[in-house]
Amino acid sequence: MFDRIRLAPGRVKLLLVSLPPVLAAAIVAAALLSSPRPAPAAPLAPAAAGLGGPQGQAPAGNQQAANLPATGGLLVEVTGAVAHPGLYRLQKGQRVDAAIAAAGGLTGQADPARLPDMAKRLLDGMQVSVPALGSPAGTGSSSRTTTVDLNTASADELANLPGFTPELAAEAVRYRQDYGGFASTKELVDVLEMSQADYAVARRYLRV
């Protein structure tokens, strides 16, 4: 049989003093080991690269595509001495100066003596040509005149012609429906009472 262990009085006191801190440390360690570890933070996504300029701006060299909305408006071709020749879609009722502005404006090579009529109203399918200095005469010193059929054109098409008002265009369409059409463009004056001044401008864009 083992003899009963006897502790010296000093050792008993030391054991009683050191026991509580040891127990507390053990409890803290057990709590830390049993608590779930936080998931590692997800890495930040890298910043997107290769973004273009402000929304709606096209990169250089793609100016023509940037000016072609899907539908609506008038499709006009601008050629010659402008910054960005190409196809442009503009609002109905706008004039030649708006088409040239859409193409980036005149260049230093534009011939100031042969510029197109800036106040001329645009038509769908029109070509606006700006001659360059030294280019042969007769190569399109002004926008190409496009005529429309007075007996088939819609009210909107007629209203976009110089000399017409929306009211007169609607009246021309009603006249066609009631009387079978126009025998000549002069009936705009004789029947619909279009002014001679307006007719002198409008007849350049009309045919029957």
Protein backbone atom coordinates (compact mmCIF):
# COMPACT_ATOMS: atom_id res chain seq x y z
CA MET A 1 0.00 0.00 0.00
CA PHE A 2 1.13 3.46 -0.82
CA ASP A 3 1.76 5.74 2.03
CA ARG A 4 -0.59 8.75 2.18
CA ILE A 5 0.97 11.77 0.45
CA ARG A 6 1.60 14.57 2.77
CA LEU A 7 2.01 18.13 1.52
CA ALA A 8 3.98 20.70 3.31
CA PRO A 9 1.85 23.61 4.59
CA GLY A 10 3.65 26.04 2.23
CA ARG A 11 2.97 23.90 -0.78
CA VAL A 12 -0.74 23.68 0.09
CA LYS A 13 -0.97 27.47 0.19
CA LEU A 14 0.86 27.81 -3.15
CA LEU A 15 -1.49 25.31 -4.77
CA LEU A 16 -4.58 27.14 -3.56
CA VAL A 17 -3.27 30.46 -4.91
CA SER A 18 -2.27 29.19 -8.37
CA LEU A 19 -5.29 26.94 -9.05
CA PRO A 20 -7.95 29.64 -9.96
CA PRO A 21 -5.83 31.35 -12.72
CA VAL A 22 -5.01 27.97 -14.26
CA LEU A 23 -8.68 27.00 -14.33
CA ALA A 24 -9.67 30.37 -15.85
CA ALA A 25 -7.05 30.01 -18.58
CA ALA A 26 -8.28 26.52 -19.37
CA ILE A 27 -11.88 27.72 -19.67
CA VAL A 28 -10.89 30.57 -22.04
CA ALA A 29 -8.83 28.21 -24.20
CA ALA A 30 -11.69 25.74 -24.42
CA ALA A 31 -14.11 28.51 -25.41
CA LEU A 32 -11.77 29.75 -28.16
CA LEU A 33 -11.27 26.27 -29.57
CA SER A 34 -14.99 25.52 -29.63
CA SER A 35 -16.13 28.84 -31.29
CA PRO A 36 -16.48 28.74 -35.17
CA ARG A 37 -13.79 30.49 -37.14
CA PRO A 38 -14.98 33.40 -39.39
CA ALA A 39 -14.95 32.69 -43.10
CA PRO A 40 -12.13 34.37 -44.98
CA ALA A 41 -13.17 37.60 -46.71
CA ALA A 42 -13.84 37.31 -50.44
CA PRO A 43 -11.24 39.07 -52.57
CA LEU A 44 -12.35 42.34 -54.14
CA ALA A 45 -13.16 42.13 -57.82
CA PRO A 46 -10.67 44.00 -59.99
CA ALA A 47 -11.86 47.25 -61.56
CA ALA A 48 -13.29 46.90 -65.05
CA ALA A 49 -10.82 47.83 -67.73
CA GLY A 50 -11.21 49.11 -71.23
CA LEU A 51 -14.27 51.26 -70.64
CA GLY A 52 -14.93 53.94 -73.25
CA GLY A 53 -15.68 57.61 -72.77
CA PRO A 54 -19.01 59.14 -71.68
CA GLN A 55 -22.14 57.23 -72.56
CA GLY A 56 -23.24 57.76 -76.15
CA GLN A 57 -19.77 58.62 -77.48
CA ALA A 58 -18.30 56.28 -80.06
CA PRO A 59 -14.60 55.62 -80.45
CA ALA A 60 -12.75 57.44 -83.20
CA GLY A 61 -13.23 55.84 -86.59
CA ASN A 62 -16.81 54.79 -85.86
CA GLN A 63 -18.49 58.17 -86.19
CA GLN A 64 -20.88 57.01 -88.91
CA ALA A 65 -22.33 54.14 -86.84
CA ALA A 66 -22.71 56.41 -83.81
CA ASN A 67 -25.14 58.61 -85.70
CA LEU A 68 -27.56 55.94 -86.91
CA PRO A 69 -30.35 55.30 -84.41
CA ALA A 70 -32.46 52.24 -85.15
CA THR A 71 -35.56 53.96 -86.50
CA GLY A 72 -37.30 57.30 -86.99
CA GLY A 73 -36.33 60.62 -88.48
CA LEU A 74 -34.76 61.33 -91.85
CA LEU A 75 -31.79 59.39 -93.19
CA VAL A 76 -29.40 61.82 -94.91
CA GLU A 77 -25.97 61.29 -96.48
CA VAL A 78 -23.39 64.05 -96.01
CA THR A 79 -20.39 63.99 -98.35
CA GLY A 80 -17.51 66.20 -99.38
CA ALA A 81 -15.55 68.69 -97.29
CA VAL A 82 -16.98 67.87 -93.84
CA ALA A 83 -15.20 66.42 -90.82
CA HIS A 84 -17.04 63.07 -90.79
CA PRO A 85 -18.78 62.19 -94.09
CA GLY A 86 -21.40 59.48 -93.78
CA LEU A 87 -25.03 58.66 -93.07
CA TYR A 88 -26.91 60.59 -90.39
CA ARG A 89 -30.44 60.37 -89.05
CA LEU A 90 -31.99 63.74 -88.21
CA GLN A 91 -35.33 65.06 -87.02
CA LYS A 92 -38.06 65.88 -89.51
CA GLY A 93 -38.15 69.58 -90.28
CA GLN A 94 -34.42 70.13 -89.80
CA ARG A 95 -32.41 71.87 -92.48
CA VAL A 96 -29.15 71.35 -94.35
CA ASP A 97 -27.10 73.23 -91.74
CA ALA A 98 -28.15 70.63 -89.13
CA ALA A 99 -26.91 67.78 -91.34
CA ILE A 100 -23.55 69.48 -91.84
CA ALA A 101 -23.27 70.12 -88.09
CA ALA A 102 -24.03 66.44 -87.41
CA ALA A 103 -21.16 65.52 -89.74
CA GLY A 104 -18.75 67.57 -87.66
CA GLY A 105 -19.00 70.83 -89.62
CA LEU A 106 -17.12 72.16 -92.61
CA THR A 107 -13.41 71.54 -93.02
CA GLY A 108 -10.86 74.09 -94.18
CA GLN A 109 -11.10 72.61 -97.67
CA ALA A 110 -14.76 73.58 -98.14
CA ASP A 111 -15.33 76.00 -101.01
CA PRO A 112 -17.22 78.98 -99.51
CA ALA A 113 -18.46 80.02 -102.96
CA ARG A 114 -20.24 76.72 -103.59
CA LEU A 115 -21.76 75.76 -100.27
CA PRO A 116 -25.20 74.11 -100.32
CA ASP A 117 -28.30 76.05 -99.32
CA MET A 118 -28.07 75.90 -95.52
CA ALA A 119 -31.75 76.85 -95.06
CA LYS A 120 -33.05 74.08 -97.29
CA ARG A 121 -35.33 71.62 -95.50
CA LEU A 122 -34.04 68.04 -95.38
CA LEU A 123 -35.83 65.14 -97.04
CA ASP A 124 -35.48 61.46 -96.33
CA GLY A 125 -32.81 59.96 -98.59
CA MET A 126 -31.27 63.34 -99.46
CA GLN A 127 -27.55 63.70 -100.13
CA VAL A 128 -25.90 66.89 -98.89
CA SER A 129 -22.62 67.49 -100.73
CA VAL A 130 -20.07 70.12 -99.70
CA PRO A 131 -17.63 70.84 -102.57
CA ALA A 132 -13.95 71.22 -101.79
CA LEU A 133 -11.73 73.96 -103.11
CA GLY A 134 -10.48 73.05 -106.56
CA SER A 135 -13.02 70.29 -107.14
CA PRO A 136 -14.61 70.25 -110.62
CA ALA A 137 -17.76 72.28 -111.08
CA GLY A 138 -20.94 70.29 -111.28
CA THR A 139 -19.85 67.70 -108.69
CA GLY A 140 -22.61 68.62 -106.32
CA SER A 141 -22.30 72.20 -105.25
CA SER A 142 -25.52 71.87 -103.31
CA SER A 143 -27.67 69.12 -101.88
CA ARG A 144 -29.29 66.86 -104.43
CA THR A 145 -32.91 67.76 -105.11
CA THR A 146 -35.25 64.85 -104.42
CA THR A 147 -38.80 65.06 -105.75
CA VAL A 148 -41.87 63.39 -104.30
CA ASP A 149 -45.07 62.40 -106.09
CA LEU A 150 -47.86 64.81 -105.16
CA ASN A 151 -50.40 62.04 -105.69
CA THR A 152 -48.77 59.42 -103.45
CA ALA A 153 -46.77 61.33 -100.82
CA SER A 154 -48.03 61.17 -97.25
CA ALA A 155 -49.10 64.25 -95.33
CA ASP A 156 -45.87 64.10 -93.32
CA GLU A 157 -43.73 63.95 -96.47
CA LEU A 158 -45.53 66.94 -97.98
CA ALA A 159 -45.30 68.91 -94.72
CA ASN A 160 -41.51 68.52 -94.82
CA LEU A 161 -41.27 70.16 -98.24
CA PRO A 162 -40.38 73.86 -98.52
CA GLY A 163 -43.50 75.97 -99.11
CA PHE A 164 -45.87 73.53 -97.38
CA THR A 165 -47.50 73.85 -93.98
CA PRO A 166 -48.93 70.84 -92.10
CA GLU A 167 -52.43 72.19 -92.79
CA LEU A 168 -51.84 72.51 -96.53
CA ALA A 169 -50.29 69.04 -96.66
CA ALA A 170 -53.34 67.52 -94.96
CA GLU A 171 -55.64 69.44 -97.32
CA ALA A 172 -53.72 68.09 -100.34
CA VAL A 173 -54.20 64.52 -99.11
CA ARG A 174 -57.93 65.11 -98.58
CA TYR A 175 -58.21 66.56 -102.10
CA ARG A 176 -56.63 63.43 -103.55
CA GLN A 177 -59.04 61.22 -101.67
CA ASP A 178 -62.09 63.24 -102.72
CA TYR A 179 -61.21 63.95 -106.35
CA GLY A 180 -58.81 61.18 -107.39
CA GLY A 181 -55.57 63.15 -107.39
CA PHE A 182 -53.85 66.12 -109.02
CA ALA A 183 -53.54 66.55 -112.75
CA SER A 184 -50.65 69.01 -112.26
CA THR A 185 -48.77 70.62 -109.39
CA LYS A 186 -50.27 73.99 -110.41
CA GLU A 187 -53.56 72.87 -108.85
CA LEU A 188 -51.98 73.61 -105.48
CA VAL A 189 -52.38 77.28 -106.41
CA ASP A 190 -55.55 77.10 -108.50
CA VAL A 191 -57.54 74.81 -106.19
CA LEU A 192 -55.91 74.83 -102.75
CA GLU A 193 -54.92 78.51 -102.89
CA MET A 194 -51.24 78.00 -102.16
CA SER A 195 -49.39 81.30 -102.52
CA GLN A 196 -47.36 81.87 -105.67
CA ALA A 197 -44.25 82.46 -103.61
CA ASP A 198 -44.61 79.16 -101.75
CA TYR A 199 -45.45 77.32 -104.96
CA ALA A 200 -42.34 78.70 -106.69
CA VAL A 201 -40.26 76.98 -103.99
CA ALA A 202 -42.34 73.82 -103.54
CA ARG A 203 -42.68 72.87 -107.22
CA ARG A 204 -38.94 72.04 -107.41
CA TYR A 205 -39.62 69.09 -105.09
CA LEU A 206 -42.86 67.85 -106.65
CA ARG A 207 -43.93 65.68 -109.55
CA VAL A 208 -47.23 64.12 -110.65
